[in-house]
Amino acid sequence: MVKTLWIIVLGLMPSLLSLWLLRRREAQMQARFRRALDFTPRVRMQRSEPTPPHSDRYYLEGVGYLIGDISCRYNARSGYIRCAVNPEGPCEGCRYYEQRELL
């Protein structure tokens, strides 16, 4: 009976040792990350407007603020870029404008 228990204990030792080392290493990494965060300067993120105030920005209920012509096929439906082919430039007179097919 003692021999059987000794074999089971010896068989489980590598797994238990590996688990213990893994937990210890994770704790060390967490402490290292915390120390790194403590020493980094706290820079306040300045939230800027996604587009200039004179842009074609509007609010769509349930979606949020959008810019550009929503009827265009290439419109990104975003408050930061207008479309994939002309992200910054005005929608008026855009040569890539295509009317989107509505379902």
N, C-alpha and C. Protein backbone atom coordinates (compact mmCIF):
# COMPACT_ATOMS: atom_id res chain seq x y z
N MET A 1 0.82 -1.20 0.00
CA MET A 1 0.00 0.00 0.00
C MET A 1 0.86 1.26 0.00
N VAL A 2 1.93 1.25 0.76
CA VAL A 2 2.82 2.39 0.85
C VAL A 2 3.52 2.61 -0.49
N LYS A 3 3.90 1.48 -1.13
CA LYS A 3 4.57 1.59 -2.43
C LYS A 3 3.63 2.22 -3.47
N THR A 4 2.37 1.88 -3.44
CA THR A 4 1.39 2.43 -4.38
C THR A 4 1.23 3.93 -4.16
N LEU A 5 1.10 4.33 -2.92
CA LEU A 5 0.99 5.77 -2.62
C LEU A 5 2.25 6.52 -3.04
N TRP A 6 3.40 5.92 -2.80
CA TRP A 6 4.66 6.54 -3.18
C TRP A 6 4.75 6.71 -4.70
N ILE A 7 4.31 5.76 -5.47
CA ILE A 7 4.31 5.85 -6.94
C ILE A 7 3.35 6.94 -7.41
N ILE A 8 2.18 7.03 -6.78
CA ILE A 8 1.21 8.07 -7.15
C ILE A 8 1.77 9.45 -6.85
N VAL A 9 2.38 9.61 -5.67
CA VAL A 9 2.97 10.90 -5.30
C VAL A 9 4.08 11.27 -6.27
N LEU A 10 4.95 10.34 -6.59
CA LEU A 10 6.03 10.62 -7.54
C LEU A 10 5.50 10.94 -8.93
N GLY A 11 4.41 10.32 -9.31
CA GLY A 11 3.81 10.60 -10.62
C GLY A 11 3.18 11.98 -10.68
N LEU A 12 2.66 12.46 -9.57
CA LEU A 12 2.01 13.77 -9.54
C LEU A 12 2.98 14.92 -9.28
N MET A 13 4.15 14.64 -8.79
CA MET A 13 5.12 15.69 -8.44
C MET A 13 5.48 16.60 -9.61
N PRO A 14 5.80 16.09 -10.79
CA PRO A 14 6.15 17.01 -11.88
C PRO A 14 5.01 17.96 -12.25
N SER A 15 3.79 17.46 -12.25
CA SER A 15 2.64 18.32 -12.57
C SER A 15 2.44 19.38 -11.50
N LEU A 16 2.53 18.98 -10.25
CA LEU A 16 2.36 19.94 -9.16
C LEU A 16 3.47 20.98 -9.15
N LEU A 17 4.69 20.55 -9.40
CA LEU A 17 5.82 21.47 -9.47
C LEU A 17 5.64 22.46 -10.62
N SER A 18 5.21 21.96 -11.76
CA SER A 18 4.98 22.82 -12.92
C SER A 18 3.88 23.84 -12.63
N LEU A 19 2.80 23.40 -12.01
CA LEU A 19 1.71 24.30 -11.67
C LEU A 19 2.16 25.37 -10.68
N TRP A 20 2.93 24.98 -9.70
CA TRP A 20 3.44 25.94 -8.71
C TRP A 20 4.34 26.98 -9.37
N LEU A 21 5.25 26.52 -10.25
CA LEU A 21 6.14 27.45 -10.95
C LEU A 21 5.37 28.40 -11.87
N LEU A 22 4.34 27.87 -12.52
CA LEU A 22 3.52 28.71 -13.40
C LEU A 22 2.81 29.81 -12.61
N ARG A 23 2.22 29.46 -11.49
CA ARG A 23 1.53 30.46 -10.65
C ARG A 23 2.51 31.50 -10.12
N ARG A 24 3.66 31.05 -9.71
CA ARG A 24 4.66 31.99 -9.20
C ARG A 24 5.12 32.95 -10.28
N ARG A 25 5.31 32.45 -11.49
CA ARG A 25 5.75 33.29 -12.60
C ARG A 25 4.66 34.30 -12.98
N GLU A 26 3.40 33.87 -12.96
CA GLU A 26 2.30 34.79 -13.24
C GLU A 26 2.25 35.90 -12.21
N ALA A 27 2.44 35.57 -10.95
CA ALA A 27 2.43 36.59 -9.89
C ALA A 27 3.58 37.57 -10.08
N GLN A 28 4.75 37.07 -10.47
CA GLN A 28 5.89 37.94 -10.73
C GLN A 28 5.61 38.89 -11.89
N MET A 29 5.00 38.37 -12.95
CA MET A 29 4.69 39.21 -14.11
C MET A 29 3.67 40.28 -13.77
N GLN A 30 2.66 39.91 -12.98
CA GLN A 30 1.66 40.90 -12.56
C GLN A 30 2.32 42.00 -11.73
N ALA A 31 3.21 41.63 -10.84
CA ALA A 31 3.91 42.63 -10.03
C ALA A 31 4.79 43.51 -10.91
N ARG A 32 5.41 42.92 -11.89
CA ARG A 32 6.24 43.69 -12.82
C ARG A 32 5.41 44.69 -13.63
N PHE A 33 4.24 44.25 -14.10
CA PHE A 33 3.36 45.16 -14.82
C PHE A 33 2.89 46.30 -13.93
N ARG A 34 2.55 45.98 -12.68
CA ARG A 34 2.12 47.02 -11.75
C ARG A 34 3.22 48.05 -11.51
N ARG A 35 4.45 47.57 -11.34
CA ARG A 35 5.58 48.49 -11.15
C ARG A 35 5.79 49.35 -12.38
N ALA A 36 5.66 48.76 -13.56
CA ALA A 36 5.83 49.52 -14.81
C ALA A 36 4.76 50.60 -14.92
N LEU A 37 3.53 50.28 -14.53
CA LEU A 37 2.46 51.27 -14.58
C LEU A 37 2.69 52.39 -13.57
N ASP A 38 3.25 52.04 -12.43
CA ASP A 38 3.51 53.06 -11.41
C ASP A 38 4.59 54.04 -11.85
N PHE A 39 5.53 53.60 -12.64
CA PHE A 39 6.63 54.47 -13.04
C PHE A 39 6.38 55.21 -14.35
N THR A 40 5.34 54.85 -15.07
CA THR A 40 5.07 55.58 -16.31
C THR A 40 4.37 56.89 -15.97
N PRO A 41 4.70 57.93 -16.67
CA PRO A 41 4.03 59.21 -16.40
C PRO A 41 2.57 59.14 -16.80
N ARG A 42 1.77 59.70 -15.98
CA ARG A 42 0.33 59.72 -16.25
C ARG A 42 0.03 60.87 -17.21
N VAL A 43 -0.13 60.53 -18.45
CA VAL A 43 -0.45 61.53 -19.47
C VAL A 43 -1.95 61.52 -19.67
N ARG A 44 -2.53 62.67 -19.51
CA ARG A 44 -3.97 62.76 -19.69
C ARG A 44 -4.30 62.72 -21.16
N MET A 45 -5.16 61.81 -21.52
CA MET A 45 -5.55 61.68 -22.91
C MET A 45 -6.45 62.86 -23.26
N GLN A 46 -6.08 63.55 -24.30
CA GLN A 46 -6.90 64.66 -24.75
C GLN A 46 -7.85 64.14 -25.81
N ARG A 47 -9.10 64.23 -25.51
CA ARG A 47 -10.10 63.75 -26.45
C ARG A 47 -10.41 64.87 -27.43
N SER A 48 -10.10 64.63 -28.65
CA SER A 48 -10.35 65.64 -29.66
C SER A 48 -11.62 65.29 -30.42
N GLU A 49 -12.18 66.28 -31.03
CA GLU A 49 -13.34 66.06 -31.87
C GLU A 49 -12.93 65.19 -33.05
N PRO A 50 -13.76 64.26 -33.44
CA PRO A 50 -13.39 63.39 -34.54
C PRO A 50 -13.27 64.13 -35.87
N THR A 51 -13.98 65.20 -36.02
CA THR A 51 -13.93 65.98 -37.26
C THR A 51 -14.00 67.45 -36.92
N PRO A 52 -13.57 68.31 -37.83
CA PRO A 52 -13.68 69.74 -37.58
C PRO A 52 -15.15 70.17 -37.47
N PRO A 53 -15.42 71.27 -36.78
CA PRO A 53 -16.80 71.68 -36.56
C PRO A 53 -17.57 72.05 -37.83
N HIS A 54 -16.89 72.40 -38.89
CA HIS A 54 -17.59 72.81 -40.12
C HIS A 54 -17.88 71.63 -41.05
N SER A 55 -17.68 70.41 -40.57
CA SER A 55 -17.85 69.24 -41.42
C SER A 55 -19.33 68.87 -41.55
N ASP A 56 -19.56 67.81 -42.28
CA ASP A 56 -20.92 67.33 -42.50
C ASP A 56 -21.28 66.24 -41.50
N ARG A 57 -21.06 66.56 -40.24
CA ARG A 57 -21.32 65.63 -39.14
C ARG A 57 -22.77 65.76 -38.71
N TYR A 58 -23.42 64.62 -38.49
CA TYR A 58 -24.80 64.62 -38.03
C TYR A 58 -25.05 63.42 -37.14
N TYR A 59 -26.13 63.47 -36.41
CA TYR A 59 -26.47 62.41 -35.47
C TYR A 59 -27.57 61.54 -36.06
N LEU A 60 -27.37 60.22 -36.03
CA LEU A 60 -28.36 59.27 -36.51
C LEU A 60 -28.81 58.45 -35.31
N GLU A 61 -30.10 58.48 -35.02
CA GLU A 61 -30.65 57.79 -33.86
C GLU A 61 -30.32 56.31 -33.89
N GLY A 62 -29.79 55.79 -32.79
CA GLY A 62 -29.45 54.39 -32.68
C GLY A 62 -28.06 54.05 -33.19
N VAL A 63 -27.42 54.97 -33.90
CA VAL A 63 -26.08 54.71 -34.45
C VAL A 63 -25.06 55.64 -33.80
N GLY A 64 -25.39 56.92 -33.71
CA GLY A 64 -24.47 57.90 -33.15
C GLY A 64 -24.12 58.95 -34.18
N TYR A 65 -22.99 59.63 -33.98
CA TYR A 65 -22.56 60.67 -34.90
C TYR A 65 -21.88 60.06 -36.12
N LEU A 66 -22.26 60.52 -37.27
CA LEU A 66 -21.69 60.07 -38.53
C LEU A 66 -21.23 61.26 -39.33
N ILE A 67 -20.31 61.04 -40.24
CA ILE A 67 -19.92 62.10 -41.17
C ILE A 67 -20.03 61.54 -42.57
N GLY A 68 -20.18 62.43 -43.50
CA GLY A 68 -20.29 62.04 -44.90
C GLY A 68 -21.72 61.78 -45.32
N ASP A 69 -21.87 61.42 -46.57
CA ASP A 69 -23.17 61.16 -47.16
C ASP A 69 -23.53 59.70 -46.92
N ILE A 70 -24.53 59.44 -46.10
CA ILE A 70 -24.89 58.08 -45.72
C ILE A 70 -25.47 57.31 -46.89
N SER A 71 -25.93 57.99 -47.92
CA SER A 71 -26.49 57.29 -49.07
C SER A 71 -25.42 56.74 -50.01
N CYS A 72 -24.16 57.08 -49.76
CA CYS A 72 -23.06 56.60 -50.60
C CYS A 72 -22.73 55.15 -50.24
N ARG A 73 -22.42 54.37 -51.24
CA ARG A 73 -22.07 52.96 -51.04
C ARG A 73 -20.81 52.79 -50.20
N TYR A 74 -19.86 53.70 -50.32
CA TYR A 74 -18.58 53.58 -49.64
C TYR A 74 -18.53 54.28 -48.29
N ASN A 75 -19.63 54.81 -47.81
CA ASN A 75 -19.64 55.50 -46.53
C ASN A 75 -19.27 54.53 -45.41
N ALA A 76 -18.38 54.96 -44.51
CA ALA A 76 -17.89 54.10 -43.43
C ALA A 76 -18.85 54.02 -42.25
N ARG A 77 -19.85 54.87 -42.23
CA ARG A 77 -20.79 54.95 -41.12
C ARG A 77 -20.05 55.11 -39.80
N SER A 78 -19.14 56.09 -39.79
CA SER A 78 -18.28 56.35 -38.64
C SER A 78 -18.24 57.84 -38.37
N GLY A 79 -17.88 58.20 -37.15
CA GLY A 79 -17.72 59.60 -36.78
C GLY A 79 -16.30 60.09 -37.03
N TYR A 80 -15.43 59.23 -37.55
CA TYR A 80 -14.03 59.59 -37.73
C TYR A 80 -13.59 59.63 -39.19
N ILE A 81 -14.08 58.74 -40.03
CA ILE A 81 -13.74 58.77 -41.44
C ILE A 81 -15.02 58.71 -42.27
N ARG A 82 -14.95 59.29 -43.44
CA ARG A 82 -16.13 59.32 -44.30
C ARG A 82 -16.33 58.02 -45.06
N CYS A 83 -15.30 57.62 -45.78
CA CYS A 83 -15.44 56.42 -46.60
C CYS A 83 -14.08 55.78 -46.85
N ALA A 84 -14.10 54.63 -47.48
CA ALA A 84 -12.86 53.89 -47.72
C ALA A 84 -12.02 54.54 -48.81
N VAL A 85 -12.62 55.13 -49.81
CA VAL A 85 -11.85 55.68 -50.93
C VAL A 85 -11.51 57.15 -50.77
N ASN A 86 -12.27 57.88 -49.96
CA ASN A 86 -12.03 59.31 -49.76
C ASN A 86 -12.25 59.64 -48.28
N PRO A 87 -11.36 59.15 -47.39
CA PRO A 87 -11.63 59.27 -45.96
C PRO A 87 -11.70 60.69 -45.41
N GLU A 88 -10.95 61.61 -45.96
CA GLU A 88 -10.91 62.96 -45.41
C GLU A 88 -11.70 63.98 -46.22
N GLY A 89 -11.73 63.77 -47.49
CA GLY A 89 -12.23 64.82 -48.38
C GLY A 89 -13.73 64.90 -48.48
N PRO A 90 -14.25 66.01 -48.88
CA PRO A 90 -15.71 66.23 -48.88
C PRO A 90 -16.44 65.26 -49.81
N CYS A 91 -17.68 64.99 -49.46
CA CYS A 91 -18.50 64.08 -50.27
C CYS A 91 -19.04 64.79 -51.51
N GLU A 92 -19.19 66.10 -51.41
CA GLU A 92 -19.72 66.85 -52.54
C GLU A 92 -18.76 66.76 -53.72
N GLY A 93 -19.24 66.27 -54.84
CA GLY A 93 -18.43 66.19 -56.04
C GLY A 93 -17.42 65.08 -56.04
N CYS A 94 -17.53 64.11 -55.15
CA CYS A 94 -16.58 62.99 -55.10
C CYS A 94 -16.79 62.11 -56.32
N ARG A 95 -15.70 61.77 -56.98
CA ARG A 95 -15.83 60.97 -58.21
C ARG A 95 -16.12 59.51 -57.91
N TYR A 96 -15.99 59.09 -56.66
CA TYR A 96 -16.25 57.70 -56.30
C TYR A 96 -17.66 57.49 -55.76
N TYR A 97 -18.46 58.53 -55.73
CA TYR A 97 -19.80 58.42 -55.16
C TYR A 97 -20.65 57.44 -55.95
N GLU A 98 -21.26 56.50 -55.24
CA GLU A 98 -22.21 55.56 -55.84
C GLU A 98 -23.41 55.47 -54.91
N GLN A 99 -24.59 55.59 -55.47
CA GLN A 99 -25.80 55.50 -54.69
C GLN A 99 -25.91 54.07 -54.14
N ARG A 100 -26.15 53.94 -52.86
CA ARG A 100 -26.29 52.64 -52.23
C ARG A 100 -27.68 52.09 -52.51
N GLU A 101 -27.73 50.79 -52.81
CA GLU A 101 -29.02 50.15 -53.05
C GLU A 101 -29.68 49.86 -51.71
N LEU A 102 -30.89 50.32 -51.53
CA LEU A 102 -31.62 50.09 -50.29
C LEU A 102 -32.46 48.84 -50.44
N LEU A 103 -32.56 48.08 -49.37
CA LEU A 103 -33.35 46.84 -49.42
C LEU A 103 -34.80 47.11 -49.23
